[in-house]
Amino acid sequence: MSSIKWQKRGLPHSHILVWLEEKLHPADVDPIISAEIPNPEEDSMLYNIIKKHMIHGPCGALNRKSPCMKDGKCTKRYPRELLQETQTGHDGYPLYRRRKAGDGGFTAKVTILGCNKVEIDNKWVVPYCPILSKIFNAHINVEYCNTVKSIKYICKYVNKGSDQAVFGLERQEMRRDEVSKYEIGRYICSSEATWRILDFPIHHRYPPVEHLYVHLENGQRVYFTEDNVRDRIAEPPRTTLTAFFDLCREDDFAKTLLYCDVPQYYRWDRSSKKWKRRIQGIHVEGHQESSHATLLVECTLSTQAHLNAVACAFSFT
């Protein structure tokens, strides 16, 4: 999944969530995600990129005016603790390896407040992927979401829309009126407006996910007007659940499936409101009489695969 978003200053950035087929162990994380300053002698190009784009702040005692500071503390929890090996974290993210200087780690000098230079170590490095950083030469934060506790990346960043604001309009003589009319508006900058006018993609998801409705008998949601109220009452629109019951009456193979397993073998036709057998995939053994009873391999995602995701936040500043 991916979503394109904009900062207040009008700069676009992307949040990308990638599901992995196999779970990553702590020993497998280091080659993919790093939270350390590279060796300047072995890879000077990556060293300069990380020094420019992937150093947080510095904040705290080094810079009390940093935007991340709140009540005297860094809201991003920097500086982080130094660790010799990557460990599984308690908040959904691993504790990445951050070696101290002289024990495999390196330092770098950065400029803060426009003039002062300070020497920082791996405590201030934002996790990144070396390959992506070298390709794009930009701020690309990469995190490994190893549990559902990392709900912020899995559900929030890739699904939330533009910032909202609630405001009220009232006349001067109606200030004390208890009844006010409010409007809900979204903040859209000029670059985002241009992006939408040119019809560039905002959200991408693969493979597609089908929403299966669950409701009581005759309890499906119905939208009607004065003109179609009689037709809606006489023949309510079919949902994925009611269409599943109709499918089981007509298809013997569907009777062997649970409701949640239907999308693996059938596709939902929105125009006819019916489940139709897939025409691509692997034939199902024991049902050779139906050449179209197939399983689309691409739609099979195990529960464990959902819990192993790599989230990337691209910010092209």
Protein backbone atom coordinates (compact mmCIF):
# COMPACT_ATOMS: atom_id res chain seq x y z
CA MET A 1 0.00 0.00 0.00
CA SER A 2 1.13 3.53 -0.64
CA SER A 3 -0.28 7.02 -0.12
CA ILE A 4 0.94 10.40 -1.31
CA LYS A 5 0.68 13.21 1.25
CA TRP A 6 1.83 16.81 1.57
CA GLN A 7 3.50 18.83 4.26
CA LYS A 8 2.28 22.26 5.28
CA ARG A 9 5.01 23.87 3.20
CA GLY A 10 3.72 22.03 0.12
CA LEU A 11 6.36 19.30 -0.21
CA PRO A 12 5.03 15.84 -1.22
CA HIS A 13 6.02 12.64 0.51
CA SER A 14 4.87 9.05 0.35
CA HIS A 15 4.03 6.43 2.98
CA ILE A 16 4.56 2.89 1.68
CA LEU A 17 3.68 -0.36 3.42
CA VAL A 18 5.12 -3.61 2.00
CA TRP A 19 4.09 -7.05 3.27
CA LEU A 20 6.79 -9.73 3.38
CA GLU A 21 6.21 -13.41 2.68
CA GLU A 22 8.58 -14.53 5.43
CA LYS A 23 9.18 -13.11 8.87
CA LEU A 24 12.43 -11.26 9.45
CA HIS A 25 14.52 -12.27 12.45
CA PRO A 26 16.70 -9.75 14.30
CA ALA A 27 19.80 -11.08 12.53
CA ASP A 28 18.14 -10.45 9.14
CA VAL A 29 17.24 -6.81 9.85
CA ASP A 30 20.73 -5.27 9.81
CA PRO A 31 21.47 -5.82 6.08
CA ILE A 32 18.13 -4.22 5.16
CA ILE A 33 17.60 -1.50 7.77
CA SER A 34 20.42 0.41 9.43
CA ALA A 35 20.46 3.01 12.20
CA GLU A 36 24.18 3.72 12.10
CA ILE A 37 26.47 6.26 10.47
CA PRO A 38 28.30 4.53 7.57
CA ASN A 39 32.05 4.19 7.41
CA PRO A 40 33.21 7.37 5.59
CA GLU A 41 36.26 5.59 4.19
CA GLU A 42 34.39 2.61 2.73
CA ASP A 43 31.37 4.48 1.34
CA SER A 44 31.80 8.24 1.37
CA MET A 45 28.71 8.75 -0.84
CA LEU A 46 26.37 7.00 1.60
CA TYR A 47 28.10 8.73 4.51
CA ASN A 48 27.33 12.17 3.09
CA ILE A 49 23.71 11.20 2.28
CA ILE A 50 23.02 9.92 5.79
CA LYS A 51 24.75 12.90 7.35
CA LYS A 52 22.58 15.28 5.30
CA HIS A 53 19.17 13.55 5.36
CA MET A 54 18.97 10.94 8.13
CA ILE A 55 20.22 12.73 11.27
CA HIS A 56 17.49 13.72 13.70
CA GLY A 57 17.79 17.20 15.15
CA PRO A 58 19.96 17.26 17.11
CA CYS A 59 17.55 18.35 19.81
CA GLY A 60 17.39 18.23 23.60
CA ALA A 61 20.28 19.91 25.38
CA LEU A 62 21.94 20.64 22.02
CA ASN A 63 18.94 22.55 20.63
CA ARG A 64 16.00 23.43 22.89
CA LYS A 65 14.23 25.17 20.00
CA SER A 66 13.95 22.06 17.83
CA PRO A 67 10.39 21.52 16.44
CA CYS A 68 10.28 18.04 17.98
CA MET A 69 10.66 19.36 21.55
CA LYS A 70 7.62 19.37 23.84
CA ASP A 71 7.71 19.96 27.59
CA GLY A 72 11.49 19.74 27.48
CA LYS A 73 11.51 16.27 25.83
CA CYS A 74 11.86 15.01 22.27
CA THR A 75 8.54 13.68 20.96
CA LYS A 76 10.46 11.29 18.68
CA ARG A 77 12.38 9.81 21.65
CA TYR A 78 15.83 10.92 20.54
CA PRO A 79 18.61 10.38 21.39
CA ARG A 80 18.14 6.59 21.31
CA GLU A 81 20.05 4.03 23.35
CA LEU A 82 23.23 2.49 21.97
CA LEU A 83 22.98 -1.26 21.32
CA GLN A 84 25.52 -3.80 20.14
CA GLU A 85 22.90 -6.04 18.46
CA THR A 86 19.41 -5.56 17.04
CA GLN A 87 16.65 -6.57 19.46
CA THR A 88 12.90 -7.07 19.20
CA GLY A 89 11.16 -3.98 20.56
CA HIS A 90 8.14 -3.72 22.84
CA ASP A 91 6.21 -1.12 20.82
CA GLY A 92 5.98 -2.91 17.47
CA TYR A 93 9.38 -1.82 16.18
CA PRO A 94 12.78 -3.49 16.68
CA LEU A 95 15.53 -1.78 18.64
CA TYR A 96 18.07 -1.37 15.87
CA ARG A 97 21.79 -1.84 16.31
CA ARG A 98 23.50 1.41 17.29
CA ARG A 99 27.12 0.75 18.16
CA LYS A 100 29.16 3.33 20.05
CA ALA A 101 32.24 4.98 18.60
CA GLY A 102 35.31 2.81 18.95
CA ASP A 103 33.22 -0.38 19.08
CA GLY A 104 32.20 -0.55 15.44
CA GLY A 105 30.35 2.75 15.28
CA PHE A 106 31.27 6.07 13.66
CA THR A 107 30.61 9.74 14.34
CA ALA A 108 29.86 12.78 12.20
CA LYS A 109 29.91 16.55 12.63
CA VAL A 110 26.69 18.40 11.84
CA THR A 111 25.71 22.05 11.96
CA ILE A 112 22.92 23.22 14.26
CA LEU A 113 21.35 26.67 14.59
CA GLY A 114 23.08 27.70 11.38
CA CYS A 115 26.60 28.03 12.75
CA ASN A 116 27.47 25.69 15.62
CA LYS A 117 29.04 22.33 14.76
CA VAL A 118 28.60 19.39 17.07
CA GLU A 119 29.80 15.80 16.89
CA ILE A 120 27.00 13.22 16.98
CA ASP A 121 27.00 9.42 17.09
CA ASN A 122 24.51 6.68 16.23
CA LYS A 123 22.05 7.87 18.90
CA TRP A 124 20.70 10.43 16.41
CA VAL A 125 20.41 8.33 13.24
CA VAL A 126 16.92 7.76 11.78
CA PRO A 127 16.52 4.13 10.52
CA TYR A 128 17.11 3.89 6.78
CA CYS A 129 17.71 1.42 3.96
CA PRO A 130 21.18 1.91 2.44
CA ILE A 131 20.07 0.93 -1.07
CA LEU A 132 17.08 3.29 -1.13
CA SER A 133 19.09 6.15 0.34
CA LYS A 134 21.76 5.84 -2.34
CA ILE A 135 19.20 5.58 -5.15
CA PHE A 136 17.00 8.55 -4.22
CA ASN A 137 19.41 10.71 -2.16
CA ALA A 138 16.52 11.84 0.06
CA HIS A 139 15.05 11.42 3.53
CA ILE A 140 13.67 7.86 3.50
CA ASN A 141 12.74 6.44 6.89
CA VAL A 142 12.36 2.63 6.82
CA GLU A 143 10.86 0.71 9.75
CA TYR A 144 10.16 -2.98 10.28
CA CYS A 145 6.64 -3.49 11.66
CA ASN A 146 7.00 -6.89 13.29
CA THR A 147 3.77 -6.85 15.36
CA VAL A 148 0.32 -5.30 15.14
CA LYS A 149 1.39 -2.87 17.88
CA SER A 150 2.89 -0.76 15.11
CA ILE A 151 -0.67 0.32 14.32
CA LYS A 152 0.44 3.84 13.41
CA TYR A 153 2.15 2.67 10.23
CA ILE A 154 -0.24 -0.17 9.37
CA CYS A 155 -3.49 1.78 9.71
CA LYS A 156 -2.84 5.50 10.22
CA TYR A 157 -0.18 6.86 7.87
CA VAL A 158 -1.32 5.00 4.76
CA ASN A 159 -5.05 5.67 5.23
CA LYS A 160 -5.53 9.08 6.82
CA GLY A 161 -6.49 11.95 4.54
CA SER A 162 -5.56 15.61 4.57
CA ASP A 163 -5.58 17.61 7.79
CA GLN A 164 -9.02 18.72 8.91
CA ALA A 165 -10.18 21.82 10.74
CA VAL A 166 -13.56 22.61 12.31
CA PHE A 167 -14.54 26.27 12.29
CA GLY A 168 -17.71 28.28 12.87
CA LEU A 169 -19.27 31.29 11.16
CA GLU A 170 -21.46 33.70 13.10
CA ARG A 171 -22.49 37.34 12.99
CA GLN A 172 -21.37 39.95 15.48
CA GLU A 173 -24.79 40.21 17.12
CA MET A 174 -25.13 36.39 17.44
CA ARG A 175 -22.05 35.70 19.53
CA ARG A 176 -24.05 34.49 22.55
CA ASP A 177 -26.35 32.28 20.49
CA GLU A 178 -26.03 28.67 21.67
CA VAL A 179 -26.74 27.32 18.17
CA SER A 180 -23.86 27.63 15.72
CA LYS A 181 -23.34 26.25 12.25
CA TYR A 182 -19.98 24.60 11.63
CA GLU A 183 -18.15 23.59 8.53
CA ILE A 184 -15.54 20.85 8.18
CA GLY A 185 -12.75 21.80 5.84
CA ARG A 186 -9.48 20.28 4.66
CA TYR A 187 -6.20 22.09 4.26
CA ILE A 188 -4.99 21.67 0.66
CA CYS A 189 -1.84 23.43 -0.57
CA SER A 190 -1.29 24.56 -4.16
CA SER A 191 0.95 21.60 -5.06
CA GLU A 192 -1.62 19.11 -3.77
CA ALA A 193 -4.36 20.89 -5.71
CA THR A 194 -2.26 20.64 -8.87
CA TRP A 195 -1.59 16.94 -8.20
CA ARG A 196 -5.32 16.26 -7.92
CA ILE A 197 -6.27 18.41 -10.93
CA LEU A 198 -3.81 16.45 -13.10
CA ASP A 199 -5.37 13.24 -11.74
CA PHE A 200 -2.11 11.78 -10.45
CA PRO A 201 -2.52 8.69 -8.22
CA ILE A 202 -3.07 9.34 -4.51
CA HIS A 203 -3.39 5.81 -3.16
CA HIS A 204 -2.24 2.41 -4.38
CA ARG A 205 -3.04 -1.04 -3.01
CA TYR A 206 -2.02 -4.49 -4.24
CA PRO A 207 -3.48 -7.06 -4.17
CA PRO A 208 -7.03 -5.63 -3.98
CA VAL A 209 -9.01 -6.30 -0.81
CA GLU A 210 -12.71 -7.16 -0.97
CA HIS A 211 -14.94 -5.94 1.85
CA LEU A 212 -17.24 -8.75 3.03
CA TYR A 213 -20.45 -7.48 4.58
CA VAL A 214 -21.81 -9.10 7.74
CA HIS A 215 -25.35 -8.36 8.90
CA LEU A 216 -28.44 -10.03 10.34
CA GLU A 217 -31.25 -11.39 8.19
CA ASN A 218 -33.00 -8.49 6.42
CA GLY A 219 -30.57 -6.20 8.19
CA GLN A 220 -28.47 -5.03 5.25
CA ARG A 221 -28.00 -1.31 4.83
CA VAL A 222 -30.29 0.24 2.22
CA TYR A 223 -30.21 3.76 0.80
CA PHE A 224 -33.49 5.00 -0.64
CA THR A 225 -35.32 8.12 -1.75
CA GLU A 226 -38.98 9.00 -2.18
CA ASP A 227 -38.84 7.76 -5.77
CA ASN A 228 -37.31 4.32 -5.18
CA VAL A 229 -38.56 3.46 -1.69
CA ARG A 230 -41.14 0.93 -2.97
CA ASP A 231 -38.62 -0.83 -5.21
CA ARG A 232 -36.06 -1.01 -2.42
CA ILE A 233 -38.55 -2.56 -0.01
CA ALA A 234 -39.76 -5.10 -2.58
CA GLU A 235 -36.26 -6.10 -3.66
CA PRO A 236 -33.42 -4.93 -1.37
CA PRO A 237 -29.98 -4.72 -3.02
CA ARG A 238 -27.85 -7.83 -2.71
CA THR A 239 -24.75 -7.75 -0.53
CA THR A 240 -21.73 -10.03 -0.56
CA LEU A 241 -23.35 -12.03 2.23
CA THR A 242 -26.77 -12.52 0.61
CA ALA A 243 -25.05 -13.27 -2.71
CA PHE A 244 -22.99 -15.92 -0.90
CA PHE A 245 -26.20 -17.65 0.22
CA ASP A 246 -27.49 -17.57 -3.37
CA LEU A 247 -24.16 -18.96 -4.57
CA CYS A 248 -24.34 -21.90 -2.18
CA ARG A 249 -27.78 -22.84 -3.54
CA GLU A 250 -26.42 -22.97 -7.10
CA ASP A 251 -22.79 -24.12 -6.72
CA ASP A 252 -21.86 -27.36 -4.92
CA PHE A 253 -18.23 -26.28 -4.55
CA ALA A 254 -19.25 -23.07 -2.76
CA LYS A 255 -21.01 -25.17 -0.11
CA THR A 256 -17.62 -26.48 1.02
CA LEU A 257 -16.26 -22.97 1.67
CA LEU A 258 -16.48 -20.59 4.56
CA TYR A 259 -17.67 -17.07 3.85
CA CYS A 260 -14.20 -15.61 4.39
CA ASP A 261 -12.68 -18.07 1.87
CA VAL A 262 -14.97 -17.16 -1.03
CA PRO A 263 -12.79 -14.31 -2.47
CA GLN A 264 -9.96 -16.82 -3.01
CA TYR A 265 -12.05 -18.78 -5.50
CA TYR A 266 -14.61 -16.23 -6.71
CA ARG A 267 -14.61 -12.57 -7.62
CA TRP A 268 -17.32 -10.06 -6.71
CA ASP A 269 -19.03 -8.53 -9.75
CA ARG A 270 -20.25 -5.11 -8.62
CA SER A 271 -22.47 -4.56 -11.65
CA SER A 272 -24.51 -7.77 -11.30
CA LYS A 273 -24.01 -8.10 -7.50
CA LYS A 274 -22.99 -11.74 -7.86
CA TRP A 275 -20.02 -13.97 -7.07
CA LYS A 276 -18.37 -15.30 -10.25
CA ARG A 277 -15.71 -17.98 -10.47
CA ARG A 278 -12.19 -16.89 -11.17
CA ILE A 279 -10.70 -17.84 -14.53
CA GLN A 280 -7.03 -17.64 -13.49
CA GLY A 281 -5.12 -19.62 -10.90
CA ILE A 282 -4.61 -23.26 -9.94
CA HIS A 283 -7.26 -25.91 -10.43
CA VAL A 284 -8.81 -27.24 -7.24
CA GLU A 285 -8.38 -30.97 -6.73
CA GLY A 286 -11.60 -32.92 -6.35
CA HIS A 287 -13.63 -30.50 -8.44
CA GLN A 288 -12.41 -31.32 -11.93
CA GLU A 289 -15.95 -31.19 -13.25
CA SER A 290 -15.68 -27.44 -13.04
CA SER A 291 -12.67 -26.13 -14.93
CA HIS A 292 -13.25 -22.67 -13.51
CA ALA A 293 -13.12 -23.62 -9.82
CA THR A 294 -9.71 -22.10 -9.36
CA LEU A 295 -7.69 -20.56 -6.59
CA LEU A 296 -6.02 -17.25 -7.33
CA VAL A 297 -2.64 -17.59 -5.67
CA GLU A 298 -2.02 -13.87 -5.63
CA CYS A 299 -4.92 -13.29 -3.25
CA THR A 300 -3.66 -15.74 -0.62
CA LEU A 301 -2.08 -13.84 2.25
CA SER A 302 -1.42 -15.71 5.47
CA THR A 303 -2.11 -14.14 8.84
CA GLN A 304 1.59 -14.17 9.65
CA ALA A 305 2.36 -12.29 6.45
CA HIS A 306 0.07 -9.49 7.59
CA LEU A 307 2.16 -9.07 10.73
CA ASN A 308 5.45 -8.76 8.88
CA ALA A 309 5.58 -5.48 7.03
CA VAL A 310 8.20 -2.95 6.08
CA ALA A 311 7.03 0.64 6.15
CA CYS A 312 8.83 3.35 4.20
CA ALA A 313 8.24 7.06 4.59
CA PHE A 314 9.61 8.98 1.61
CA SER A 315 10.04 12.71 2.05
CA PHE A 316 11.54 14.45 -0.97
CA THR A 317 12.55 17.74 0.57
